[in-house]
Amino acid sequence: MQLVLATANAGKIREIVTILSDLRISFLSLASLHGYMPPVESGVTYAENAAVKAKAVAALSGCWALADDSGLEVEALGGQPGVYSGRYLSPTATDWERNQRILELLEGIPLSQRGARFQCAVAVAGPGGELTLAYGSCDGVIAEAPSGDSGFGYDPIFVVPDFGVTMALLPPDVKNRISHRARALENIKPLLQRLSLAAA
């Protein structure tokens, strides 16, 4: 089975391929699609944005496509940046700049009030218009300073309480088991398993 990954984020691609590596799937990148233009992510939920991306890629490629949309929700910031996590501050802002801004906004707030959650929606779309969604989340706390150089995005400031370290300090095999994206992908795996067997 061929599955197009509807993302240009190298970190996401690496995680998705690793987590789904036990399935009989051949992964294709957006680079294999001629004339692809990313759709506008105008949805107000992660699911809406993931669906838009997966359906656009499936329609253009004629293959099944997988997309995810995820974000960080900080309780003390009213759930922000949420669905705007990837565009927080500006589309061209760096991960470091986004992390620093959140730490600035939380300056002086005790750890007991720095609760946060990573949320993820995964969409799998077919060339015939089929669409299936799955979800995953991971609760944590925003650190007082970034630490760790693994992962990407907000991982360096997101502490996973069960491990006492940021997501960026977790070994990849652990992160790929407990992260929001890992949980969403595990929930969509039964569908991908059925599709891969049908294509065999």
N, C-alpha and C. Protein backbone atom coordinates (compact mmCIF):
# COMPACT_ATOMS: atom_id res chain seq x y z
N MET A 1 0.84 -1.19 0.00
CA MET A 1 0.00 0.00 0.00
C MET A 1 0.88 1.25 0.00
N GLN A 2 0.50 2.21 -0.83
CA GLN A 2 1.20 3.48 -0.85
C GLN A 2 0.40 4.51 -0.06
N LEU A 3 1.10 5.23 0.80
CA LEU A 3 0.46 6.24 1.64
C LEU A 3 1.27 7.53 1.54
N VAL A 4 0.62 8.60 1.10
CA VAL A 4 1.30 9.89 0.99
C VAL A 4 1.18 10.61 2.33
N LEU A 5 2.30 11.06 2.85
CA LEU A 5 2.31 11.82 4.10
C LEU A 5 2.16 13.30 3.76
N ALA A 6 1.04 13.87 4.17
CA ALA A 6 0.70 15.24 3.79
C ALA A 6 1.31 16.25 4.75
N THR A 7 2.64 16.23 4.83
CA THR A 7 3.36 17.19 5.65
C THR A 7 4.75 17.38 5.10
N ALA A 8 5.28 18.58 5.28
CA ALA A 8 6.67 18.85 4.90
C ALA A 8 7.56 18.95 6.13
N ASN A 9 6.98 18.71 7.31
CA ASN A 9 7.71 18.80 8.57
C ASN A 9 8.54 17.52 8.76
N ALA A 10 9.86 17.67 8.69
CA ALA A 10 10.75 16.52 8.76
C ALA A 10 10.60 15.76 10.07
N GLY A 11 10.38 16.48 11.18
CA GLY A 11 10.21 15.83 12.46
C GLY A 11 8.96 14.96 12.49
N LYS A 12 7.87 15.48 11.96
CA LYS A 12 6.63 14.70 11.91
C LYS A 12 6.79 13.47 11.02
N ILE A 13 7.42 13.66 9.86
CA ILE A 13 7.61 12.53 8.94
C ILE A 13 8.39 11.42 9.63
N ARG A 14 9.46 11.79 10.32
CA ARG A 14 10.30 10.81 11.00
C ARG A 14 9.49 10.03 12.03
N GLU A 15 8.68 10.74 12.82
CA GLU A 15 7.88 10.08 13.85
C GLU A 15 6.81 9.18 13.24
N ILE A 16 6.11 9.67 12.22
CA ILE A 16 5.03 8.89 11.60
C ILE A 16 5.57 7.60 11.00
N VAL A 17 6.67 7.71 10.24
CA VAL A 17 7.25 6.53 9.60
C VAL A 17 7.70 5.52 10.66
N THR A 18 8.30 6.00 11.74
CA THR A 18 8.76 5.09 12.79
C THR A 18 7.59 4.39 13.47
N ILE A 19 6.57 5.14 13.81
CA ILE A 19 5.44 4.57 14.54
C ILE A 19 4.65 3.58 13.68
N LEU A 20 4.61 3.81 12.38
CA LEU A 20 3.85 2.93 11.48
C LEU A 20 4.74 1.92 10.76
N SER A 21 5.98 1.78 11.21
CA SER A 21 6.96 0.94 10.51
C SER A 21 6.60 -0.54 10.51
N ASP A 22 5.72 -0.97 11.41
CA ASP A 22 5.36 -2.38 11.46
C ASP A 22 4.25 -2.74 10.47
N LEU A 23 3.76 -1.76 9.73
CA LEU A 23 2.72 -2.01 8.74
C LEU A 23 3.35 -2.16 7.36
N ARG A 24 2.65 -2.84 6.47
CA ARG A 24 3.15 -3.04 5.11
C ARG A 24 2.74 -1.85 4.25
N ILE A 25 3.44 -0.74 4.47
CA ILE A 25 3.11 0.52 3.80
C ILE A 25 4.36 1.11 3.17
N SER A 26 4.21 1.61 1.96
CA SER A 26 5.27 2.37 1.29
C SER A 26 4.91 3.84 1.41
N PHE A 27 5.76 4.61 2.07
CA PHE A 27 5.47 6.01 2.33
C PHE A 27 5.98 6.90 1.19
N LEU A 28 5.12 7.81 0.77
CA LEU A 28 5.48 8.78 -0.25
C LEU A 28 5.46 10.17 0.36
N SER A 29 6.32 11.04 -0.14
CA SER A 29 6.39 12.41 0.38
C SER A 29 5.67 13.37 -0.55
N LEU A 30 5.45 14.57 -0.06
CA LEU A 30 4.83 15.60 -0.89
C LEU A 30 5.70 15.94 -2.09
N ALA A 31 7.00 15.70 -1.99
CA ALA A 31 7.91 15.99 -3.10
C ALA A 31 7.58 15.15 -4.34
N SER A 32 6.86 14.05 -4.13
CA SER A 32 6.51 13.18 -5.25
C SER A 32 5.28 13.69 -6.01
N LEU A 33 4.64 14.73 -5.49
CA LEU A 33 3.44 15.27 -6.13
C LEU A 33 3.77 16.52 -6.93
N HIS A 34 3.53 16.48 -8.21
CA HIS A 34 3.77 17.63 -9.07
C HIS A 34 2.57 18.56 -9.04
N GLY A 35 2.83 19.83 -8.84
CA GLY A 35 1.76 20.81 -8.84
C GLY A 35 1.01 20.94 -7.53
N TYR A 36 1.55 20.33 -6.46
CA TYR A 36 0.86 20.41 -5.17
C TYR A 36 1.04 21.79 -4.54
N MET A 37 -0.07 22.36 -4.11
CA MET A 37 -0.06 23.62 -3.38
C MET A 37 -0.76 23.37 -2.05
N PRO A 38 -0.10 23.63 -0.92
CA PRO A 38 -0.71 23.37 0.38
C PRO A 38 -2.03 24.12 0.52
N PRO A 39 -3.10 23.44 0.98
CA PRO A 39 -4.37 24.12 1.18
C PRO A 39 -4.31 25.07 2.36
N VAL A 40 -5.18 26.04 2.38
CA VAL A 40 -5.26 26.97 3.50
C VAL A 40 -5.85 26.24 4.71
N GLU A 41 -5.13 26.29 5.82
CA GLU A 41 -5.62 25.64 7.05
C GLU A 41 -6.51 26.63 7.80
N SER A 42 -7.74 26.71 7.36
CA SER A 42 -8.67 27.69 7.92
C SER A 42 -9.62 27.09 8.96
N GLY A 43 -9.41 25.83 9.30
CA GLY A 43 -10.28 25.17 10.26
C GLY A 43 -10.12 25.74 11.67
N VAL A 44 -11.14 25.56 12.47
CA VAL A 44 -11.09 26.02 13.86
C VAL A 44 -10.79 24.86 14.80
N THR A 45 -10.62 23.65 14.25
CA THR A 45 -10.25 22.50 15.05
C THR A 45 -9.08 21.78 14.37
N TYR A 46 -8.37 20.97 15.15
CA TYR A 46 -7.28 20.16 14.59
C TYR A 46 -7.83 19.21 13.53
N ALA A 47 -8.99 18.62 13.80
CA ALA A 47 -9.59 17.65 12.88
C ALA A 47 -9.90 18.29 11.53
N GLU A 48 -10.44 19.51 11.54
CA GLU A 48 -10.76 20.18 10.29
C GLU A 48 -9.51 20.44 9.47
N ASN A 49 -8.45 20.90 10.10
CA ASN A 49 -7.22 21.17 9.38
C ASN A 49 -6.57 19.90 8.84
N ALA A 50 -6.57 18.85 9.66
CA ALA A 50 -5.99 17.58 9.20
C ALA A 50 -6.78 17.02 8.02
N ALA A 51 -8.10 17.12 8.08
CA ALA A 51 -8.94 16.61 7.00
C ALA A 51 -8.71 17.36 5.70
N VAL A 52 -8.59 18.67 5.78
CA VAL A 52 -8.35 19.48 4.58
C VAL A 52 -7.07 19.04 3.89
N LYS A 53 -6.02 18.85 4.67
CA LYS A 53 -4.73 18.47 4.10
C LYS A 53 -4.77 17.07 3.49
N ALA A 54 -5.34 16.11 4.22
CA ALA A 54 -5.37 14.73 3.74
C ALA A 54 -6.22 14.59 2.48
N LYS A 55 -7.36 15.25 2.45
CA LYS A 55 -8.26 15.15 1.29
C LYS A 55 -7.63 15.80 0.05
N ALA A 56 -6.94 16.92 0.24
CA ALA A 56 -6.30 17.58 -0.90
C ALA A 56 -5.22 16.70 -1.51
N VAL A 57 -4.42 16.07 -0.67
CA VAL A 57 -3.33 15.22 -1.16
C VAL A 57 -3.87 13.94 -1.79
N ALA A 58 -4.90 13.37 -1.20
CA ALA A 58 -5.49 12.15 -1.76
C ALA A 58 -6.09 12.42 -3.14
N ALA A 59 -6.76 13.56 -3.27
CA ALA A 59 -7.39 13.90 -4.55
C ALA A 59 -6.34 14.12 -5.64
N LEU A 60 -5.23 14.76 -5.30
CA LEU A 60 -4.19 15.05 -6.29
C LEU A 60 -3.38 13.80 -6.65
N SER A 61 -3.08 12.98 -5.65
CA SER A 61 -2.19 11.84 -5.86
C SER A 61 -2.90 10.59 -6.36
N GLY A 62 -4.20 10.47 -6.07
CA GLY A 62 -4.91 9.24 -6.39
C GLY A 62 -4.57 8.12 -5.45
N CYS A 63 -3.88 8.44 -4.35
CA CYS A 63 -3.50 7.46 -3.32
C CYS A 63 -4.16 7.82 -1.99
N TRP A 64 -4.07 6.90 -1.06
CA TRP A 64 -4.47 7.22 0.30
C TRP A 64 -3.45 8.21 0.88
N ALA A 65 -3.94 9.11 1.71
CA ALA A 65 -3.06 10.14 2.28
C ALA A 65 -3.33 10.27 3.77
N LEU A 66 -2.28 10.61 4.50
CA LEU A 66 -2.38 10.81 5.94
C LEU A 66 -1.86 12.19 6.30
N ALA A 67 -2.62 12.90 7.09
CA ALA A 67 -2.20 14.22 7.57
C ALA A 67 -2.51 14.32 9.05
N ASP A 68 -1.76 15.13 9.74
CA ASP A 68 -2.08 15.39 11.13
C ASP A 68 -2.09 16.90 11.36
N ASP A 69 -2.81 17.29 12.38
CA ASP A 69 -2.74 18.67 12.84
C ASP A 69 -2.67 18.59 14.35
N SER A 70 -1.76 19.33 14.92
CA SER A 70 -1.56 19.22 16.36
C SER A 70 -1.23 20.58 16.94
N GLY A 71 -1.30 20.67 18.26
CA GLY A 71 -1.00 21.93 18.88
C GLY A 71 -0.82 21.81 20.38
N LEU A 72 -0.30 22.88 20.94
CA LEU A 72 -0.08 22.98 22.38
C LEU A 72 -1.15 23.88 22.98
N GLU A 73 -1.81 23.42 24.02
CA GLU A 73 -2.81 24.21 24.72
C GLU A 73 -2.33 24.47 26.14
N VAL A 74 -2.12 25.74 26.46
CA VAL A 74 -1.61 26.13 27.78
C VAL A 74 -2.77 26.70 28.59
N GLU A 75 -3.05 26.06 29.73
CA GLU A 75 -4.21 26.45 30.54
C GLU A 75 -4.16 27.92 30.96
N ALA A 76 -2.99 28.38 31.41
CA ALA A 76 -2.87 29.76 31.90
C ALA A 76 -3.01 30.79 30.78
N LEU A 77 -2.94 30.33 29.54
CA LEU A 77 -3.10 31.23 28.38
C LEU A 77 -4.44 31.01 27.70
N GLY A 78 -5.37 30.42 28.43
CA GLY A 78 -6.71 30.21 27.87
C GLY A 78 -6.76 29.21 26.74
N GLY A 79 -5.81 28.27 26.75
CA GLY A 79 -5.78 27.24 25.71
C GLY A 79 -4.95 27.60 24.49
N GLN A 80 -4.34 28.76 24.52
CA GLN A 80 -3.49 29.17 23.40
C GLN A 80 -2.11 28.51 23.51
N PRO A 81 -1.40 28.36 22.39
CA PRO A 81 -1.72 28.78 21.03
C PRO A 81 -2.68 27.88 20.28
N GLY A 82 -2.95 26.67 20.78
CA GLY A 82 -3.97 25.81 20.19
C GLY A 82 -3.76 25.53 18.72
N VAL A 83 -4.84 25.67 17.92
CA VAL A 83 -4.75 25.33 16.49
C VAL A 83 -3.78 26.25 15.73
N TYR A 84 -3.38 27.33 16.37
CA TYR A 84 -2.44 28.24 15.72
C TYR A 84 -0.99 27.97 16.14
N SER A 85 -0.75 26.84 16.79
CA SER A 85 0.58 26.54 17.31
C SER A 85 1.67 26.63 16.25
N GLY A 86 1.42 26.10 15.07
CA GLY A 86 2.43 26.10 14.02
C GLY A 86 2.64 27.47 13.39
N ARG A 87 1.69 28.38 13.63
CA ARG A 87 1.78 29.73 13.05
C ARG A 87 1.84 30.78 14.14
N TYR A 88 2.07 30.35 15.36
CA TYR A 88 2.09 31.27 16.50
C TYR A 88 3.16 32.34 16.30
N LEU A 89 2.83 33.56 16.62
CA LEU A 89 3.65 34.76 16.40
C LEU A 89 3.62 35.16 14.92
N SER A 90 4.09 34.25 14.05
CA SER A 90 4.01 34.48 12.61
C SER A 90 4.39 33.17 11.91
N PRO A 91 3.98 33.01 10.66
CA PRO A 91 4.33 31.77 9.94
C PRO A 91 5.83 31.56 9.81
N THR A 92 6.62 32.64 9.91
CA THR A 92 8.07 32.51 9.74
C THR A 92 8.83 32.46 11.07
N ALA A 93 8.11 32.54 12.19
CA ALA A 93 8.78 32.49 13.50
C ALA A 93 9.43 31.12 13.69
N THR A 94 10.52 31.08 14.43
CA THR A 94 11.21 29.82 14.70
C THR A 94 10.62 29.15 15.93
N ASP A 95 10.93 27.86 16.08
CA ASP A 95 10.49 27.14 17.28
C ASP A 95 11.02 27.84 18.53
N TRP A 96 12.28 28.28 18.47
CA TRP A 96 12.89 28.93 19.62
C TRP A 96 12.12 30.19 19.99
N GLU A 97 11.74 30.99 18.99
CA GLU A 97 11.01 32.23 19.25
C GLU A 97 9.64 31.94 19.86
N ARG A 98 8.97 30.93 19.37
CA ARG A 98 7.65 30.59 19.92
C ARG A 98 7.77 30.11 21.36
N ASN A 99 8.75 29.27 21.61
CA ASN A 99 8.95 28.77 22.97
C ASN A 99 9.28 29.91 23.93
N GLN A 100 10.16 30.80 23.49
CA GLN A 100 10.54 31.93 24.34
C GLN A 100 9.34 32.82 24.66
N ARG A 101 8.47 33.03 23.71
CA ARG A 101 7.31 33.87 23.94
C ARG A 101 6.39 33.26 24.98
N ILE A 102 6.17 31.97 24.91
CA ILE A 102 5.31 31.31 25.90
C ILE A 102 5.94 31.39 27.28
N LEU A 103 7.24 31.20 27.37
CA LEU A 103 7.93 31.30 28.67
C LEU A 103 7.83 32.71 29.22
N GLU A 104 7.92 33.71 28.36
CA GLU A 104 7.78 35.10 28.80
C GLU A 104 6.37 35.35 29.36
N LEU A 105 5.37 34.84 28.69
CA LEU A 105 3.99 35.06 29.12
C LEU A 105 3.70 34.36 30.45
N LEU A 106 4.43 33.29 30.73
CA LEU A 106 4.21 32.53 31.96
C LEU A 106 5.18 32.91 33.07
N GLU A 107 6.01 33.90 32.83
CA GLU A 107 7.00 34.29 33.83
C GLU A 107 6.32 34.65 35.16
N GLY A 108 6.82 34.06 36.25
CA GLY A 108 6.27 34.32 37.57
C GLY A 108 5.11 33.43 37.95
N ILE A 109 4.60 32.66 37.01
CA ILE A 109 3.49 31.75 37.31
C ILE A 109 4.06 30.43 37.83
N PRO A 110 3.61 29.97 39.01
CA PRO A 110 4.18 28.74 39.59
C PRO A 110 3.86 27.50 38.75
N LEU A 111 4.67 26.46 38.92
CA LEU A 111 4.49 25.23 38.16
C LEU A 111 3.10 24.63 38.35
N SER A 112 2.52 24.84 39.53
CA SER A 112 1.20 24.29 39.81
C SER A 112 0.12 24.89 38.91
N GLN A 113 0.44 26.02 38.28
CA GLN A 113 -0.54 26.69 37.41
C GLN A 113 -0.06 26.74 35.96
N ARG A 114 0.88 25.84 35.62
CA ARG A 114 1.43 25.84 34.25
C ARG A 114 1.03 24.59 33.47
N GLY A 115 -0.15 24.07 33.78
CA GLY A 115 -0.64 22.88 33.09
C GLY A 115 -0.81 23.12 31.60
N ALA A 116 -0.57 22.08 30.82
CA ALA A 116 -0.68 22.19 29.37
C ALA A 116 -1.02 20.82 28.78
N ARG A 117 -1.37 20.85 27.53
CA ARG A 117 -1.72 19.59 26.85
C ARG A 117 -1.36 19.69 25.38
N PHE A 118 -0.75 18.62 24.88
CA PHE A 118 -0.55 18.47 23.44
C PHE A 118 -1.76 17.73 22.89
N GLN A 119 -2.33 18.23 21.81
CA GLN A 119 -3.46 17.59 21.16
C GLN A 119 -3.09 17.27 19.71
N CYS A 120 -3.65 16.18 19.19
CA CYS A 120 -3.37 15.80 17.81
C CYS A 120 -4.60 15.13 17.19
N ALA A 121 -4.86 15.50 15.95
CA ALA A 121 -5.86 14.82 15.14
C ALA A 121 -5.16 14.28 13.90
N VAL A 122 -5.41 13.02 13.58
CA VAL A 122 -4.85 12.40 12.38
C VAL A 122 -6.01 12.10 11.44
N ALA A 123 -5.82 12.44 10.17
CA ALA A 123 -6.83 12.17 9.14
C ALA A 123 -6.23 11.27 8.09
N VAL A 124 -6.97 10.24 7.70
CA VAL A 124 -6.60 9.39 6.57
C VAL A 124 -7.71 9.52 5.54
N ALA A 125 -7.33 9.97 4.34
CA ALA A 125 -8.30 10.19 3.27
C ALA A 125 -7.98 9.31 2.07
N GLY A 126 -9.03 8.89 1.40
CA GLY A 126 -8.86 8.06 0.23
C GLY A 126 -9.17 8.83 -1.04
N PRO A 127 -8.72 8.30 -2.19
CA PRO A 127 -8.95 8.99 -3.46
C PRO A 127 -10.42 9.07 -3.85
N GLY A 128 -11.23 8.25 -3.21
CA GLY A 128 -12.67 8.27 -3.49
C GLY A 128 -13.45 9.16 -2.55
N GLY A 129 -12.74 9.94 -1.73
CA GLY A 129 -13.41 10.84 -0.81
C GLY A 129 -13.57 10.28 0.59
N GLU A 130 -13.09 9.07 0.81
CA GLU A 130 -13.18 8.47 2.15
C GLU A 130 -12.39 9.29 3.16
N LEU A 131 -12.86 9.32 4.40
CA LEU A 131 -12.15 10.07 5.45
C LEU A 131 -12.37 9.42 6.80
N THR A 132 -11.28 9.18 7.51
CA THR A 132 -11.34 8.66 8.88
C THR A 132 -10.44 9.52 9.75
N LEU A 133 -10.92 9.81 10.95
CA LEU A 133 -10.18 10.65 11.90
C LEU A 133 -9.87 9.88 13.17
N ALA A 134 -8.75 10.22 13.79
CA ALA A 134 -8.39 9.65 15.09
C ALA A 134 -7.70 10.74 15.90
N TYR A 135 -7.73 10.56 17.22
CA TYR A 135 -7.25 11.62 18.10
C TYR A 135 -6.30 11.07 19.17
N GLY A 136 -5.45 11.96 19.68
CA GLY A 136 -4.56 11.62 20.78
C GLY A 136 -4.19 12.87 21.55
N SER A 137 -3.88 12.70 22.83
CA SER A 137 -3.46 13.85 23.64
C SER A 137 -2.43 13.41 24.66
N CYS A 138 -1.71 14.38 25.18
CA CYS A 138 -0.69 14.12 26.20
C CYS A 138 -0.66 15.30 27.16
N ASP A 139 -0.89 15.04 28.44
CA ASP A 139 -0.91 16.10 29.44
C ASP A 139 0.49 16.37 29.98
N GLY A 140 0.72 17.63 30.33
CA GLY A 140 2.03 17.98 30.87
C GLY A 140 2.02 19.32 31.57
N VAL A 141 3.22 19.86 31.75
CA VAL A 141 3.42 21.14 32.44
C VAL A 141 4.46 21.93 31.64
N ILE A 142 4.28 23.23 31.55
CA ILE A 142 5.27 24.06 30.86
C ILE A 142 6.44 24.34 31.81
N ALA A 143 7.63 24.00 31.36
CA ALA A 143 8.84 24.20 32.15
C ALA A 143 9.13 25.69 32.34
N GLU A 144 10.02 25.99 33.26
CA GLU A 144 10.44 27.38 33.47
C GLU A 144 11.54 27.79 32.52
N ALA A 145 12.18 26.80 31.90
CA ALA A 145 13.23 27.06 30.91
C ALA A 145 13.30 25.87 29.97
N PRO A 146 13.67 26.09 28.73
CA PRO A 146 13.75 24.97 27.78
C PRO A 146 14.91 24.03 28.12
N SER A 147 14.73 22.76 27.78
CA SER A 147 15.82 21.80 27.95
C SER A 147 15.63 20.64 26.99
N GLY A 148 16.75 20.14 26.49
CA GLY A 148 16.71 19.01 25.55
C GLY A 148 16.80 19.47 24.12
N ASP A 149 17.44 18.65 23.28
CA ASP A 149 17.57 19.01 21.88
C ASP A 149 17.02 17.94 20.95
N SER A 150 16.26 17.00 21.51
CA SER A 150 15.56 16.04 20.66
C SER A 150 14.17 16.61 20.36
N GLY A 151 13.47 15.99 19.44
CA GLY A 151 12.13 16.45 19.13
C GLY A 151 12.15 17.75 18.35
N PHE A 152 11.03 18.46 18.40
CA PHE A 152 10.90 19.70 17.65
C PHE A 152 9.72 20.47 18.21
N GLY A 153 9.47 21.64 17.65
CA GLY A 153 8.32 22.42 18.11
C GLY A 153 8.43 22.83 19.57
N TYR A 154 7.39 22.52 20.33
CA TYR A 154 7.33 22.93 21.74
C TYR A 154 7.89 21.87 22.69
N ASP A 155 8.48 20.82 22.15
CA ASP A 155 9.01 19.73 22.99
C ASP A 155 9.96 20.21 24.09
N PRO A 156 10.85 21.19 23.84
CA PRO A 156 11.82 21.59 24.87
C PRO A 156 11.21 22.28 26.10
N ILE A 157 9.94 22.73 26.02
CA ILE A 157 9.34 23.40 27.18
C ILE A 157 8.18 22.60 27.77
N PHE A 158 7.92 21.40 27.23
CA PHE A 158 6.78 20.60 27.68
C PHE A 158 7.27 19.44 28.54
N VAL A 159 7.01 19.53 29.84
CA VAL A 159 7.44 18.48 30.77
C VAL A 159 6.37 17.40 30.87
N VAL A 160 6.79 16.16 30.73
CA VAL A 160 5.89 15.02 30.90
C VAL A 160 6.01 14.55 32.34
N PRO A 161 4.99 14.78 33.18
CA PRO A 161 5.09 14.50 34.61
C PRO A 161 5.53 13.08 34.97
N ASP A 162 5.06 12.07 34.22
CA ASP A 162 5.42 10.69 34.54
C ASP A 162 6.92 10.42 34.42
N PHE A 163 7.61 11.25 33.63
CA PHE A 163 9.05 11.05 33.42
C PHE A 163 9.87 12.17 34.05
N GLY A 164 9.24 13.29 34.38
CA GLY A 164 9.94 14.39 35.04
C GLY A 164 10.91 15.16 34.17
N VAL A 165 10.80 15.00 32.86
CA VAL A 165 11.67 15.72 31.93
C VAL A 165 10.83 16.24 30.77
N THR A 166 11.42 17.14 29.99
CA THR A 166 10.70 17.64 28.82
C THR A 166 10.63 16.57 27.74
N MET A 167 9.69 16.78 26.82
CA MET A 167 9.53 15.86 25.70
C MET A 167 10.82 15.79 24.89
N ALA A 168 11.58 16.90 24.87
CA ALA A 168 12.83 16.95 24.10
C ALA A 168 13.97 16.17 24.76
N LEU A 169 13.77 15.71 26.00
CA LEU A 169 14.78 14.90 26.69
C LEU A 169 14.42 13.42 26.70
N LEU A 170 13.24 13.08 26.23
CA LEU A 170 12.83 11.68 26.20
C LEU A 170 13.52 10.94 25.06
N PRO A 171 13.92 9.69 25.27
CA PRO A 171 14.44 8.90 24.16
C PRO A 171 13.35 8.79 23.09
N PRO A 172 13.72 8.78 21.81
CA PRO A 172 12.71 8.72 20.74
C PRO A 172 11.73 7.56 20.89
N ASP A 173 12.21 6.39 21.35
CA ASP A 173 11.30 5.26 21.46
C ASP A 173 10.24 5.48 22.53
N VAL A 174 10.59 6.26 23.56
CA VAL A 174 9.60 6.58 24.59
C VAL A 174 8.61 7.62 24.07
N LYS A 175 9.14 8.67 23.46
CA LYS A 175 8.25 9.71 22.91
C LYS A 175 7.28 9.10 21.90
N ASN A 176 7.77 8.19 21.07
CA ASN A 176 6.93 7.59 20.04
C ASN A 176 5.94 6.57 20.60
N ARG A 177 5.91 6.45 21.91
CA ARG A 177 4.93 5.60 22.56
C ARG A 177 3.89 6.42 23.33
N ILE A 178 4.30 7.57 23.87
CA ILE A 178 3.41 8.31 24.78
C ILE A 178 2.96 9.67 24.27
N SER A 179 3.49 10.13 23.15
CA SER A 179 3.13 11.46 22.67
C SER A 179 1.71 11.50 22.12
N HIS A 180 1.20 12.71 21.98
CA HIS A 180 -0.13 12.92 21.40
C HIS A 180 -0.21 12.34 20.00
N ARG A 181 0.83 12.54 19.20
CA ARG A 181 0.84 12.02 17.83
C ARG A 181 0.90 10.50 17.82
N ALA A 182 1.71 9.93 18.70
CA ALA A 182 1.80 8.48 18.78
C ALA A 182 0.46 7.87 19.14
N ARG A 183 -0.25 8.48 20.06
CA ARG A 183 -1.55 7.94 20.48
C ARG A 183 -2.59 8.06 19.37
N ALA A 184 -2.57 9.17 18.64
CA ALA A 184 -3.50 9.33 17.52
C ALA A 184 -3.20 8.31 16.42
N LEU A 185 -1.91 8.10 16.13
CA LEU A 185 -1.53 7.14 15.10
C LEU A 185 -1.88 5.72 15.51
N GLU A 186 -1.72 5.39 16.79
CA GLU A 186 -2.11 4.06 17.26
C GLU A 186 -3.61 3.84 17.07
N ASN A 187 -4.38 4.91 17.25
CA ASN A 187 -5.83 4.80 17.10
C ASN A 187 -6.27 4.68 15.65
N ILE A 188 -5.43 5.12 14.71
CA ILE A 188 -5.77 4.99 13.29
C ILE A 188 -5.15 3.74 12.68
N LYS A 189 -4.27 3.07 13.42
CA LYS A 189 -3.56 1.90 12.90
C LYS A 189 -4.48 0.78 12.42
N PRO A 190 -5.57 0.46 13.13
CA PRO A 190 -6.43 -0.62 12.64
C PRO A 190 -6.94 -0.37 11.22
N LEU A 191 -7.28 0.87 10.89
CA LEU A 191 -7.72 1.20 9.54
C LEU A 191 -6.58 0.98 8.55
N LEU A 192 -5.40 1.48 8.87
CA LEU A 192 -4.26 1.34 7.97
C LEU A 192 -3.88 -0.13 7.79
N GLN A 193 -4.05 -0.94 8.82
CA GLN A 193 -3.78 -2.36 8.74
C GLN A 193 -4.72 -3.02 7.75
N ARG A 194 -6.00 -2.66 7.83
CA ARG A 194 -6.99 -3.22 6.91
C ARG A 194 -6.71 -2.80 5.47
N LEU A 195 -6.36 -1.52 5.29
CA LEU A 195 -6.08 -1.03 3.94
C LEU A 195 -4.84 -1.69 3.34
N SER A 196 -3.81 -1.89 4.16
CA SER A 196 -2.57 -2.50 3.67
C SER A 196 -2.80 -3.96 3.30
N LEU A 197 -3.63 -4.66 4.06
CA LEU A 197 -3.93 -6.07 3.75
C LEU A 197 -4.76 -6.17 2.47
N ALA A 198 -5.68 -5.22 2.32
CA ALA A 198 -6.53 -5.23 1.12
C ALA A 198 -5.72 -4.95 -0.14
N ALA A 199 -4.63 -4.17 0.02
CA ALA A 199 -3.81 -3.80 -1.13
C ALA A 199 -2.77 -4.87 -1.46
N ALA A 200 -2.58 -5.82 -0.56
CA ALA A 200 -1.54 -6.83 -0.76
C ALA A 200 -1.88 -7.76 -1.92
